[in-house]
Amino acid sequence: MCHVWNEDKKKWSELKDLLCGGAQGSRIIVPTRIRNVATITGTILPCDLEHLSYENCLSLFLKLAFKEGEEKQHDNLVRIGEEIVQKCKGVALAVKTLGSLLCSTRVQHDWELVRDSELWKLKQEENDMLPALKLSYEHLPWYLKQCFAFCSVFPKDFEFYYSYLIRLWMANGFLQSPYENEDPEDIGNRYIQELLSRSFFHQFEDDYLFPTLKMHDLVHDLALSVAQNEVNSYEGGKADSESLIAAVISRSKHLRVLDLGNCSLEQLPNNIRYLKQLRFLNLSYNGNIKGLPNSICNLKSLQTLNLGGCRGSEELPKDIRYLISLRELRVTTKQTRLQENGISCLTSLRTLIFSECENLEKLFEDIQNLTALRELIIRGCKNLVSLPQGLKYLTALELLVIWNCEKLDLTMEELELERKEGGSLRKLVVRGVPKLESLPQWILLGSIQTLQQLFISNLNNLWTLPIWFQHLTSLQSLEIKCCPKLSVLPEGMQHLTALKRFMIRGCPKLSKRCIEETGEDWPKIAHVPDFYCGDFKTTTNDK
């Protein structure tokens, strides 16, 4: 567990009951800054952690502020760094934050500004913000300050999905770029990487589809402090009443974000059409909604529409083509077919997700009109039988996911999907397609030289990998899971010199051939620095 602050003894008792079935000798460590939490949760006396020693703090600081060995070239900065570390008083988060801040500059004056800041002189109470964190915030560029402050509307320990946070920043107009024609999605990703590098976020789940971030509770306190009156959050009870939502809409004509996910709504009020500034609308997992009022299609500024998990939804609005600013659309519907000249007219779309569309048999044939589409995810559409031929014209597509589509036939010759070159695909996921016996080359969509990540899983009838594998010269990560009939790696895999990570799990025949040194296929993958074979516990990542 991490950063625990819940002091409800009843909830902890309930959790303890669930944990009693662990293996003998198991231990759970509960880090917290609140002594009462330690008293409630502990089965032994709490252990008070000491601050890091000065030597350890300095070592951590130098590791973050310099590349390996670089500090030897900057004796002047190291001396200033030593003084900064002294002021951090053994707090690892403070050291980490300032080390991350100063790694981007070798100008002595910048380091002196941090060392000599007046913020160090502020009197600090036990639960006050660390001066080091305030310092790091003060050195943020203006465009990151507002994005960081916005995160204060979320509760502590909130798990941020990259795409969710970026869409909210976009809706609020926070994403600015000095470069012409840079997509907001790319700007948002750049902002996240900057905040990660400065330790305002930390990576929580490095999921290959939906990575997540978290914010240390002290950093969240800082966000609350700097936001003050700049950001307001309203919590007025559960928004499951149409009349309540209608009343909120009538008072909020300039609303940009409306998040009604996981409510018990049966329908949206018609006055939603008056929200001309609305950019973000989340209705996900409202299972009782049967459909949306067609008036929603008047929202010409809408950028994100999430209908994922709305299993009661009988059809999409008939005028959906008028949502001309839409960049992300997530759909769950009972429809068997999607109308032509509907979604295909949304030419600003960057992300399109179909999930749990259990009756859907075919996608719309004019998908080739979505020339800006970068992500296409088809998940849990168990009656989908084919993909549209227009797929091969989506030259901007970077992510393709086909997941748990039981009836989908990817080998049908009449699809004529193969494209020789010109694709942009970087990540491909194929999982739960039982008819698949071998990966067809068309699925690369002409991206044999650009594909970087490939994940194949739960393909019970997959028995061979194609010879074109050896031409995936940009492939960096490969995962093969739960393909019990797969027994051999294709020839030429030793030529995949960009491959850095390879995992095999749930493939007993293949795993046996990949045992380190003795397996018949080992010479094909011996060059991969991070190889893991779960069936025989073979790993090379410690070399």
Protein backbone atom coordinates (compact mmCIF):
# COMPACT_ATOMS: atom_id res chain seq x y z
CA MET A 1 0.00 0.00 0.00
CA CYS A 2 1.12 3.55 -0.59
CA HIS A 3 0.41 7.03 0.87
CA VAL A 4 -2.44 5.89 3.14
CA TRP A 5 -4.53 8.43 5.05
CA ASN A 6 -7.96 6.84 5.57
CA GLU A 7 -8.76 6.88 9.32
CA ASP A 8 -12.07 4.99 9.19
CA LYS A 9 -11.50 2.06 11.58
CA LYS A 10 -14.58 0.17 10.32
CA LYS A 11 -13.30 0.17 6.73
CA TRP A 12 -9.90 -1.04 7.84
CA SER A 13 -11.48 -3.89 9.81
CA GLU A 14 -13.41 -4.98 6.73
CA LEU A 15 -10.23 -4.87 4.65
CA LYS A 16 -8.29 -6.88 7.23
CA ASP A 17 -10.87 -9.66 7.01
CA LEU A 18 -10.24 -9.91 3.27
CA LEU A 19 -6.48 -10.12 3.76
CA CYS A 20 -6.52 -13.03 6.19
CA GLY A 21 -6.26 -15.61 3.42
CA GLY A 22 -2.70 -14.69 2.43
CA ALA A 23 0.14 -17.19 2.35
CA GLN A 24 1.98 -17.87 5.60
CA GLY A 25 4.76 -15.35 6.09
CA SER A 26 3.14 -12.65 3.93
CA ARG A 27 3.61 -9.05 5.05
CA ILE A 28 1.85 -5.81 4.14
CA ILE A 29 3.64 -2.50 4.61
CA VAL A 30 1.46 0.58 5.09
CA PRO A 31 3.37 3.88 4.60
CA THR A 32 1.51 6.88 6.03
CA ARG A 33 2.18 10.35 7.40
CA ILE A 34 -0.72 10.03 9.88
CA ARG A 35 0.09 8.27 13.16
CA ASN A 36 -3.57 7.39 13.79
CA VAL A 37 -3.63 5.42 10.53
CA ALA A 38 -0.54 3.52 11.63
CA THR A 39 -2.21 2.74 14.98
CA ILE A 40 -5.47 1.54 13.38
CA THR A 41 -3.89 -0.61 10.67
CA GLY A 42 -0.87 -1.98 12.48
CA THR A 43 -0.60 -5.39 14.08
CA ILE A 44 2.75 -4.38 15.55
CA LEU A 45 4.10 -1.09 16.85
CA PRO A 46 4.55 1.54 14.11
CA CYS A 47 8.05 2.04 12.77
CA ASP A 48 9.10 5.68 12.46
CA LEU A 49 11.19 6.11 9.34
CA GLU A 50 14.23 8.32 9.74
CA HIS A 51 15.17 10.93 7.18
CA LEU A 52 17.73 9.93 4.57
CA SER A 53 21.33 10.55 5.54
CA TYR A 54 23.08 13.49 3.91
CA GLU A 55 25.30 11.09 1.93
CA ASN A 56 22.30 9.20 0.54
CA CYS A 57 20.48 12.44 -0.25
CA LEU A 58 23.48 13.79 -2.14
CA SER A 59 23.86 10.54 -4.06
CA LEU A 60 20.17 10.64 -5.07
CA PHE A 61 20.40 14.32 -6.03
CA LEU A 62 23.47 13.85 -8.23
CA LYS A 63 21.93 10.82 -9.92
CA LEU A 64 18.86 12.87 -10.89
CA ALA A 65 20.56 16.16 -11.70
CA PHE A 66 23.33 14.71 -13.90
CA LYS A 67 23.83 11.96 -16.40
CA GLU A 68 26.17 9.22 -15.19
CA GLY A 69 29.65 10.67 -14.64
CA GLU A 70 28.67 14.15 -15.83
CA GLU A 71 28.97 15.71 -12.37
CA LYS A 72 32.77 15.40 -12.65
CA GLN A 73 32.68 18.11 -15.31
CA HIS A 74 30.71 20.57 -13.13
CA ASP A 75 32.47 20.97 -9.78
CA ASN A 76 30.86 24.39 -9.34
CA LEU A 77 27.33 22.97 -9.68
CA VAL A 78 28.12 20.05 -7.38
CA ARG A 79 29.16 22.49 -4.63
CA ILE A 80 25.88 24.40 -5.02
CA GLY A 81 24.01 21.10 -5.09
CA GLU A 82 25.58 20.10 -1.78
CA GLU A 83 24.16 23.25 -0.19
CA ILE A 84 20.72 22.60 -1.71
CA VAL A 85 20.73 19.04 -0.36
CA GLN A 86 21.54 20.35 3.12
CA LYS A 87 18.39 22.49 2.96
CA CYS A 88 16.24 19.48 2.01
CA LYS A 89 16.80 18.10 5.53
CA GLY A 90 16.80 14.46 4.51
CA VAL A 91 13.39 14.45 2.78
CA ALA A 92 13.70 12.19 -0.26
CA LEU A 93 10.78 13.76 -2.14
CA ALA A 94 12.36 17.20 -1.81
CA VAL A 95 15.70 15.90 -3.09
CA LYS A 96 14.05 14.08 -5.97
CA THR A 97 11.96 17.08 -7.00
CA LEU A 98 14.86 19.55 -7.05
CA GLY A 99 17.22 17.09 -8.71
CA SER A 100 14.67 16.58 -11.46
CA LEU A 101 14.20 20.33 -11.76
CA LEU A 102 17.90 21.13 -12.17
CA CYS A 103 18.70 18.30 -14.57
CA SER A 104 17.59 20.54 -17.44
CA THR A 105 20.06 23.38 -16.84
CA ARG A 106 23.84 23.75 -16.45
CA VAL A 107 23.69 27.51 -15.92
CA GLN A 108 25.23 28.31 -12.54
CA HIS A 109 22.87 31.25 -11.96
CA ASP A 110 19.83 28.92 -12.24
CA TRP A 111 21.26 26.66 -9.53
CA GLU A 112 22.05 29.66 -7.32
CA LEU A 113 18.47 30.91 -7.64
CA VAL A 114 17.23 27.64 -6.18
CA ARG A 115 19.83 27.64 -3.40
CA ASP A 116 19.20 31.26 -2.40
CA SER A 117 15.41 31.37 -2.75
CA GLU A 118 13.47 33.16 -0.03
CA LEU A 119 11.10 30.16 0.15
CA TRP A 120 13.68 28.27 2.23
CA LYS A 121 13.28 30.92 4.96
CA LEU A 122 9.55 30.38 5.44
CA LYS A 123 8.64 28.88 8.80
CA GLN A 124 7.54 25.31 8.20
CA GLU A 125 5.04 23.57 10.43
CA GLU A 126 4.82 19.79 10.60
CA ASN A 127 2.12 19.45 7.93
CA ASP A 128 3.18 22.41 5.75
CA MET A 129 4.21 22.12 2.13
CA LEU A 130 7.89 21.44 1.62
CA PRO A 131 9.78 24.55 0.50
CA ALA A 132 11.48 22.36 -2.11
CA LEU A 133 8.12 21.58 -3.70
CA LYS A 134 7.13 25.25 -3.75
CA LEU A 135 10.46 26.07 -5.32
CA SER A 136 9.98 23.46 -8.00
CA TYR A 137 6.50 24.81 -8.74
CA GLU A 138 7.81 28.38 -9.03
CA HIS A 139 10.22 27.21 -11.72
CA LEU A 140 7.51 25.59 -13.84
CA PRO A 141 6.71 27.26 -17.17
CA TRP A 142 3.39 29.12 -17.05
CA TYR A 143 1.67 26.60 -19.29
CA LEU A 144 2.49 23.75 -16.88
CA LYS A 145 1.42 25.71 -13.81
CA GLN A 146 -2.22 25.87 -14.88
CA CYS A 147 -2.26 22.20 -15.91
CA PHE A 148 -0.77 21.22 -12.56
CA ALA A 149 -3.16 23.42 -10.56
CA PHE A 150 -6.13 21.91 -12.43
CA CYS A 151 -5.26 18.49 -10.97
CA SER A 152 -6.29 19.78 -7.53
CA VAL A 153 -9.97 19.14 -8.40
CA PHE A 154 -9.31 15.40 -8.12
CA PRO A 155 -9.07 13.58 -4.77
CA LYS A 156 -5.79 12.40 -3.31
CA ASP A 157 -4.48 9.14 -4.73
CA PHE A 158 -6.53 9.61 -7.91
CA GLU A 159 -5.39 7.45 -10.81
CA PHE A 160 -5.08 9.59 -13.95
CA TYR A 161 -5.37 7.99 -17.36
CA TYR A 162 -3.17 9.86 -19.83
CA SER A 163 -5.93 10.31 -22.39
CA TYR A 164 -8.52 11.43 -19.79
CA LEU A 165 -6.26 14.12 -18.35
CA ILE A 166 -5.18 15.37 -21.77
CA ARG A 167 -8.81 15.66 -22.94
CA LEU A 168 -9.71 17.68 -19.85
CA TRP A 169 -6.74 20.01 -20.33
CA MET A 170 -7.77 20.39 -23.96
CA ALA A 171 -11.38 21.17 -23.06
CA ASN A 172 -10.24 23.94 -20.74
CA GLY A 173 -7.94 25.51 -23.32
CA PHE A 174 -4.71 24.75 -21.44
CA LEU A 175 -2.79 23.21 -24.33
CA GLN A 176 -0.65 25.79 -26.12
CA SER A 177 2.10 25.16 -28.66
CA PRO A 178 4.78 27.32 -30.25
CA TYR A 179 4.71 24.99 -33.24
CA GLU A 180 2.21 25.38 -36.04
CA ASN A 181 -0.09 22.40 -36.69
CA GLU A 182 0.96 20.45 -33.56
CA ASP A 183 -1.93 18.27 -32.47
CA PRO A 184 -3.33 18.99 -28.97
CA GLU A 185 -2.90 15.30 -28.11
CA ASP A 186 0.85 15.60 -28.75
CA ILE A 187 1.05 18.81 -26.72
CA GLY A 188 -0.73 17.10 -23.82
CA ASN A 189 1.62 14.12 -23.94
CA ARG A 190 4.57 16.50 -23.90
CA TYR A 191 3.15 18.30 -20.86
CA ILE A 192 2.72 14.99 -19.02
CA GLN A 193 6.30 13.98 -19.79
CA GLU A 194 7.56 17.33 -18.49
CA LEU A 195 5.59 16.97 -15.24
CA LEU A 196 6.81 13.38 -14.88
CA SER A 197 10.43 14.45 -15.40
CA ARG A 198 10.01 17.08 -12.65
CA SER A 199 8.44 14.50 -10.25
CA PHE A 200 5.03 16.18 -10.08
CA PHE A 201 3.59 12.86 -11.31
CA HIS A 202 4.87 9.33 -11.00
CA GLN A 203 4.06 6.44 -13.32
CA PHE A 204 1.56 4.16 -11.63
CA GLU A 205 0.59 1.55 -14.22
CA ASP A 206 2.68 1.24 -17.37
CA ASP A 207 -0.15 -0.50 -19.20
CA TYR A 208 0.50 -0.86 -22.91
CA LEU A 209 -2.99 0.43 -23.74
CA PHE A 210 -4.01 2.79 -20.96
CA PRO A 211 -1.03 3.92 -18.85
CA THR A 212 -1.86 5.76 -15.62
CA LEU A 213 -0.28 8.37 -13.37
CA LYS A 214 -0.55 9.28 -9.71
CA MET A 215 0.42 12.32 -7.68
CA HIS A 216 2.19 12.07 -4.31
CA ASP A 217 -0.09 13.33 -1.55
CA LEU A 218 2.36 16.14 -0.69
CA VAL A 219 2.38 17.21 -4.33
CA HIS A 220 -1.42 17.14 -4.28
CA ASP A 221 -1.34 19.43 -1.23
CA LEU A 222 0.82 21.79 -3.27
CA ALA A 223 -1.71 21.73 -6.13
CA LEU A 224 -4.50 22.62 -3.71
CA SER A 225 -2.41 25.42 -2.29
CA VAL A 226 -1.52 27.05 -5.61
CA ALA A 227 -4.98 26.58 -7.12
CA GLN A 228 -6.85 28.35 -4.29
CA ASN A 229 -9.64 30.31 -5.99
CA GLU A 230 -8.46 29.54 -9.52
CA VAL A 231 -10.12 26.11 -9.68
CA ASN A 232 -13.46 25.17 -8.17
CA SER A 233 -15.10 21.77 -7.93
CA TYR A 234 -18.79 21.30 -7.21
CA GLU A 235 -20.06 18.14 -5.55
CA GLY A 236 -23.79 18.32 -5.10
CA GLY A 237 -24.76 14.74 -4.55
CA LYS A 238 -25.29 11.99 -7.08
CA ALA A 239 -26.16 13.31 -10.52
CA ASP A 240 -28.75 10.66 -11.39
CA SER A 241 -31.72 12.98 -11.74
CA GLU A 242 -32.62 14.50 -15.09
CA SER A 243 -34.17 17.49 -13.38
CA LEU A 244 -31.04 18.12 -11.31
CA ILE A 245 -28.83 18.02 -14.39
CA ALA A 246 -31.24 20.24 -16.30
CA ALA A 247 -31.07 22.77 -13.45
CA VAL A 248 -27.25 22.71 -13.46
CA ILE A 249 -27.19 23.19 -17.24
CA SER A 250 -29.60 26.12 -17.05
CA ARG A 251 -27.22 27.87 -14.64
CA SER A 252 -24.02 26.97 -16.51
CA LYS A 253 -24.37 28.08 -20.12
CA HIS A 254 -20.58 28.37 -20.52
CA LEU A 255 -19.79 24.91 -19.17
CA ARG A 256 -16.86 23.23 -20.93
CA VAL A 257 -16.72 19.87 -19.10
CA LEU A 258 -19.65 17.68 -18.04
CA ASP A 259 -18.67 14.35 -16.49
CA LEU A 260 -21.66 12.13 -15.70
CA GLY A 261 -19.91 8.76 -15.83
CA ASN A 262 -21.14 5.87 -13.64
CA CYS A 263 -24.46 7.48 -12.77
CA SER A 264 -27.93 5.97 -13.02
CA LEU A 265 -29.23 8.25 -15.74
CA GLU A 266 -32.03 7.11 -18.00
CA GLN A 267 -31.89 10.09 -20.34
CA LEU A 268 -30.27 13.46 -20.81
CA PRO A 269 -32.33 16.65 -20.59
CA ASN A 270 -33.03 18.36 -23.91
CA ASN A 271 -31.59 21.65 -22.72
CA ILE A 272 -28.10 20.19 -23.10
CA ARG A 273 -28.24 21.68 -26.60
CA TYR A 274 -27.69 25.11 -25.07
CA LEU A 275 -24.18 24.25 -23.86
CA LYS A 276 -22.52 25.77 -26.90
CA GLN A 277 -19.10 25.86 -25.20
CA LEU A 278 -19.17 22.20 -24.08
CA ARG A 279 -15.98 20.40 -25.08
CA PHE A 280 -16.08 17.23 -22.96
CA LEU A 281 -19.08 14.99 -22.26
CA ASN A 282 -18.65 11.72 -20.38
CA LEU A 283 -21.70 9.46 -20.07
CA SER A 284 -19.81 6.18 -19.70
CA TYR A 285 -21.35 3.27 -17.80
CA ASN A 286 -24.85 4.71 -17.60
CA GLY A 287 -26.42 1.36 -18.36
CA ASN A 288 -30.01 2.65 -18.33
CA ILE A 289 -29.59 5.24 -21.08
CA LYS A 290 -31.37 4.01 -24.19
CA GLY A 291 -30.28 6.85 -26.42
CA LEU A 292 -29.22 10.47 -26.60
CA PRO A 293 -31.44 13.34 -27.66
CA ASN A 294 -30.67 14.29 -31.24
CA SER A 295 -30.25 17.86 -30.00
CA ILE A 296 -26.84 16.82 -28.68
CA CYS A 297 -25.65 17.10 -32.26
CA ASN A 298 -25.93 20.90 -31.96
CA LEU A 299 -22.82 20.89 -29.77
CA LYS A 300 -20.43 21.96 -32.51
CA SER A 301 -17.56 22.57 -30.03
CA LEU A 302 -17.70 19.08 -28.50
CA GLN A 303 -14.28 17.39 -28.66
CA THR A 304 -14.79 14.29 -26.50
CA LEU A 305 -17.90 12.09 -26.28
CA ASN A 306 -17.68 8.96 -24.13
CA LEU A 307 -20.57 6.51 -24.44
CA GLY A 308 -18.52 3.46 -23.46
CA GLY A 309 -20.32 0.96 -21.24
CA CYS A 310 -23.81 2.35 -22.02
CA ARG A 311 -25.14 -1.14 -22.68
CA GLY A 312 -28.75 0.01 -22.89
CA SER A 313 -27.98 2.39 -25.75
CA GLU A 314 -30.09 1.30 -28.72
CA GLU A 315 -28.59 3.59 -31.36
CA LEU A 316 -26.40 6.62 -31.89
CA PRO A 317 -27.99 10.00 -32.65
CA LYS A 318 -28.98 10.13 -36.33
CA ASP A 319 -27.28 13.50 -36.86
CA ILE A 320 -23.99 12.55 -35.21
CA ARG A 321 -22.18 13.67 -38.37
CA TYR A 322 -22.66 17.30 -37.28
CA LEU A 323 -20.34 16.94 -34.28
CA ILE A 324 -17.59 18.34 -36.48
CA SER A 325 -15.08 19.12 -33.69
CA LEU A 326 -15.16 15.63 -32.17
CA ARG A 327 -11.67 14.21 -31.61
CA GLU A 328 -12.47 11.22 -29.39
CA LEU A 329 -15.55 8.99 -29.56
CA ARG A 330 -16.18 5.92 -27.40
CA VAL A 331 -19.21 3.84 -28.34
CA THR A 332 -21.26 1.03 -26.83
CA THR A 333 -24.47 0.33 -28.75
CA LYS A 334 -27.00 -2.44 -29.39
CA GLN A 335 -27.00 -1.74 -33.15
CA THR A 336 -26.11 -4.52 -35.57
CA ARG A 337 -25.02 -2.05 -38.26
CA LEU A 338 -23.80 1.54 -38.08
CA GLN A 339 -25.26 4.08 -40.46
CA GLU A 340 -23.27 5.30 -43.44
CA ASN A 341 -22.48 9.02 -43.52
CA GLY A 342 -22.53 9.04 -39.74
CA ILE A 343 -19.29 8.56 -37.80
CA SER A 344 -17.40 8.59 -41.09
CA CYS A 345 -18.17 12.31 -41.44
CA LEU A 346 -16.30 13.13 -38.20
CA THR A 347 -13.07 13.96 -39.99
CA SER A 348 -11.45 15.51 -36.88
CA LEU A 349 -11.54 12.17 -35.03
CA ARG A 350 -8.20 11.06 -33.57
CA THR A 351 -9.50 8.24 -31.33
CA LEU A 352 -12.39 5.86 -32.04
CA ILE A 353 -13.28 3.07 -29.60
CA PHE A 354 -16.00 0.44 -29.98
CA SER A 355 -16.45 -1.56 -26.77
CA GLU A 356 -19.00 -4.22 -25.82
CA CYS A 357 -21.09 -3.67 -28.96
CA GLU A 358 -22.40 -7.20 -28.62
CA ASN A 359 -24.77 -7.10 -31.62
CA LEU A 360 -22.51 -5.26 -34.02
CA GLU A 361 -21.77 -7.32 -37.13
CA LYS A 362 -19.99 -4.76 -39.31
CA LEU A 363 -18.44 -1.33 -39.02
CA PHE A 364 -19.31 1.41 -41.49
CA GLU A 365 -17.73 0.87 -44.91
CA ASP A 366 -16.72 4.52 -45.48
CA ILE A 367 -14.19 4.47 -42.63
CA GLN A 368 -11.53 5.67 -45.07
CA ASN A 369 -12.89 9.21 -44.65
CA LEU A 370 -11.35 9.34 -41.15
CA THR A 371 -7.98 10.40 -42.53
CA ALA A 372 -6.79 11.92 -39.22
CA LEU A 373 -7.64 8.84 -37.09
CA ARG A 374 -4.70 7.77 -34.92
CA GLU A 375 -6.24 5.19 -32.59
CA LEU A 376 -8.83 2.50 -33.39
CA ILE A 377 -9.86 0.09 -30.64
CA ILE A 378 -12.42 -2.67 -31.21
CA ARG A 379 -13.08 -4.55 -27.98
CA GLY A 380 -15.69 -7.09 -26.86
CA CYS A 381 -17.69 -7.01 -30.14
CA LYS A 382 -18.46 -10.72 -30.11
CA ASN A 383 -20.66 -10.75 -33.25
CA LEU A 384 -18.38 -8.69 -35.46
CA VAL A 385 -17.59 -10.79 -38.52
CA SER A 386 -15.42 -8.55 -40.69
CA LEU A 387 -13.55 -5.28 -40.91
CA PRO A 388 -14.14 -2.68 -43.63
CA GLN A 389 -11.82 -2.53 -46.63
CA GLY A 390 -11.39 1.21 -46.08
CA LEU A 391 -9.19 0.40 -43.10
CA LYS A 392 -6.17 0.19 -45.38
CA TYR A 393 -6.50 3.88 -46.26
CA LEU A 394 -6.07 5.09 -42.65
CA THR A 395 -2.47 6.18 -43.15
CA ALA A 396 -2.36 8.22 -39.91
CA LEU A 397 -3.35 5.23 -37.74
CA GLU A 398 -0.78 4.60 -34.98
CA LEU A 399 -2.66 2.19 -32.68
CA LEU A 400 -4.88 -0.73 -33.74
CA VAL A 401 -6.47 -2.97 -31.09
CA ILE A 402 -8.65 -5.98 -31.89
CA TRP A 403 -9.73 -7.60 -28.61
CA ASN A 404 -12.16 -10.43 -27.82
CA CYS A 405 -14.05 -10.54 -31.10
CA GLU A 406 -15.09 -14.19 -31.20
CA LYS A 407 -16.57 -14.34 -34.72
CA LEU A 408 -14.12 -12.04 -36.46
CA ASP A 409 -12.37 -13.61 -39.44
CA LEU A 410 -9.14 -11.77 -40.21
CA THR A 411 -8.10 -14.11 -43.01
CA MET A 412 -10.99 -13.53 -45.41
CA GLU A 413 -9.46 -12.93 -48.84
CA GLU A 414 -12.32 -10.74 -50.04
CA LEU A 415 -11.33 -8.09 -47.54
CA GLU A 416 -8.39 -7.12 -49.80
CA LEU A 417 -6.99 -5.08 -46.95
CA GLU A 418 -3.30 -5.49 -47.70
CA ARG A 419 -1.31 -2.31 -48.16
CA LYS A 420 2.34 -2.49 -49.18
CA GLU A 421 3.73 0.64 -47.50
CA GLY A 422 2.97 4.17 -46.32
CA GLY A 423 1.42 3.21 -42.97
CA SER A 424 2.13 4.81 -39.58
CA LEU A 425 1.15 1.97 -37.22
CA ARG A 426 3.34 1.89 -34.11
CA LYS A 427 1.38 -0.38 -31.78
CA LEU A 428 -0.71 -3.45 -32.65
CA VAL A 429 -2.74 -5.58 -30.21
CA VAL A 430 -4.56 -8.75 -31.29
CA ARG A 431 -6.27 -10.73 -28.53
CA GLY A 432 -9.14 -13.18 -28.29
CA VAL A 433 -9.75 -13.89 -31.99
CA PRO A 434 -10.20 -17.68 -31.93
CA LYS A 435 -10.47 -18.12 -35.72
CA LEU A 436 -6.97 -16.77 -36.28
CA GLU A 437 -4.36 -19.41 -37.18
CA SER A 438 -1.63 -17.08 -38.47
CA LEU A 439 -1.21 -13.31 -38.53
CA PRO A 440 -2.09 -11.97 -41.99
CA GLN A 441 0.29 -9.34 -43.37
CA TRP A 442 -2.54 -6.92 -44.17
CA ILE A 443 -2.99 -6.30 -40.45
CA LEU A 444 0.19 -4.20 -40.49
CA LEU A 445 -1.56 -1.74 -42.83
CA GLY A 446 1.68 -1.02 -44.67
CA SER A 447 3.58 -0.35 -41.45
CA ILE A 448 6.22 -3.07 -41.56
CA GLN A 449 8.97 -0.46 -41.06
CA THR A 450 7.23 1.62 -38.35
CA LEU A 451 5.70 -0.97 -35.96
CA GLN A 452 7.35 -0.67 -32.52
CA GLN A 453 5.12 -2.72 -30.21
CA LEU A 454 3.26 -5.96 -30.93
CA PHE A 455 1.07 -7.81 -28.42
CA ILE A 456 -0.69 -11.06 -29.32
CA SER A 457 -2.69 -12.95 -26.73
CA ASN A 458 -5.41 -15.58 -26.18
CA LEU A 459 -5.25 -16.87 -29.75
CA ASN A 460 -6.10 -20.50 -29.08
CA ASN A 461 -5.68 -21.62 -32.68
CA LEU A 462 -2.61 -19.63 -33.63
CA TRP A 463 -0.02 -22.19 -34.64
CA THR A 464 2.53 -20.22 -36.65
CA LEU A 465 4.10 -16.79 -36.95
CA PRO A 466 4.69 -15.51 -40.48
CA ILE A 467 8.07 -15.15 -42.18
CA TRP A 468 7.54 -11.39 -42.54
CA PHE A 469 8.30 -11.06 -38.82
CA GLN A 470 11.98 -10.74 -39.72
CA HIS A 471 11.25 -7.47 -41.56
CA LEU A 472 9.85 -5.65 -38.50
CA THR A 473 13.05 -3.66 -38.19
CA SER A 474 11.59 -1.04 -35.80
CA LEU A 475 10.02 -3.55 -33.39
CA GLN A 476 11.07 -2.78 -29.79
CA SER A 477 8.61 -4.76 -27.66
CA LEU A 478 6.96 -8.13 -28.34
CA GLU A 479 4.57 -10.05 -26.08
CA ILE A 480 3.08 -13.45 -26.87
CA LYS A 481 0.65 -14.82 -24.29
CA CYS A 482 -1.76 -17.76 -24.10
CA CYS A 483 -1.19 -19.17 -27.58
CA PRO A 484 -0.96 -22.89 -26.65
CA LYS A 485 -0.57 -24.20 -30.23
CA LEU A 486 2.29 -21.89 -31.14
CA SER A 487 5.44 -24.02 -31.17
CA VAL A 488 8.21 -22.21 -33.03
CA LEU A 489 9.59 -18.73 -33.71
CA PRO A 490 9.94 -17.69 -37.35
CA GLU A 491 13.33 -17.67 -39.04
CA GLY A 492 15.23 -14.39 -39.16
CA MET A 493 14.20 -13.04 -35.74
CA GLN A 494 17.88 -12.58 -34.92
CA HIS A 495 17.79 -9.68 -37.41
CA LEU A 496 15.39 -7.70 -35.20
CA THR A 497 18.17 -5.65 -33.64
CA ALA A 498 15.78 -2.97 -32.30
CA LEU A 499 13.95 -5.57 -30.16
CA LYS A 500 14.63 -4.71 -26.51
CA ARG A 501 11.86 -6.58 -24.70
CA PHE A 502 10.30 -9.99 -25.42
CA MET A 503 7.86 -11.83 -23.17
CA ILE A 504 6.37 -15.30 -23.58
CA ARG A 505 3.73 -16.63 -21.20
CA GLY A 506 1.12 -19.39 -21.48
CA CYS A 507 2.77 -20.91 -24.58
CA PRO A 508 4.33 -24.16 -23.25
CA LYS A 509 5.52 -25.49 -26.63
CA LEU A 510 7.15 -22.24 -27.64
CA SER A 511 8.60 -21.63 -24.18
CA LYS A 512 10.40 -24.97 -24.24
CA ARG A 513 12.19 -23.98 -27.47
CA CYS A 514 13.24 -20.62 -25.96
CA ILE A 515 15.01 -21.85 -22.84
CA GLU A 516 18.23 -19.91 -22.39
CA GLU A 517 21.28 -21.53 -24.02
CA THR A 518 19.65 -24.95 -24.59
CA GLY A 519 16.40 -24.14 -26.44
CA GLU A 520 16.30 -24.70 -30.21
CA ASP A 521 15.04 -21.15 -30.81
CA TRP A 522 17.39 -19.49 -28.31
CA PRO A 523 19.88 -18.31 -31.00
CA LYS A 524 17.06 -16.30 -32.61
CA ILE A 525 16.48 -14.22 -29.46
CA ALA A 526 19.78 -14.34 -27.57
CA HIS A 527 20.42 -10.70 -28.53
CA VAL A 528 17.27 -9.41 -26.75
CA PRO A 529 18.38 -7.64 -23.53
CA ASP A 530 15.09 -8.14 -21.66
CA PHE A 531 13.63 -11.58 -22.31
CA TYR A 532 11.10 -13.22 -20.00
CA CYS A 533 9.60 -16.67 -20.37
CA GLY A 534 6.96 -17.21 -17.69
CA ASP A 535 6.46 -20.92 -18.30
CA PHE A 536 10.06 -21.85 -17.48
CA LYS A 537 11.10 -18.77 -15.45
CA THR A 538 13.77 -17.84 -17.99
CA THR A 539 14.85 -14.21 -17.89
CA THR A 540 17.79 -12.23 -19.27
CA ASN A 541 17.04 -8.85 -17.75
CA ASP A 542 19.66 -9.24 -15.02
CA LYS A 543 22.54 -9.59 -17.44
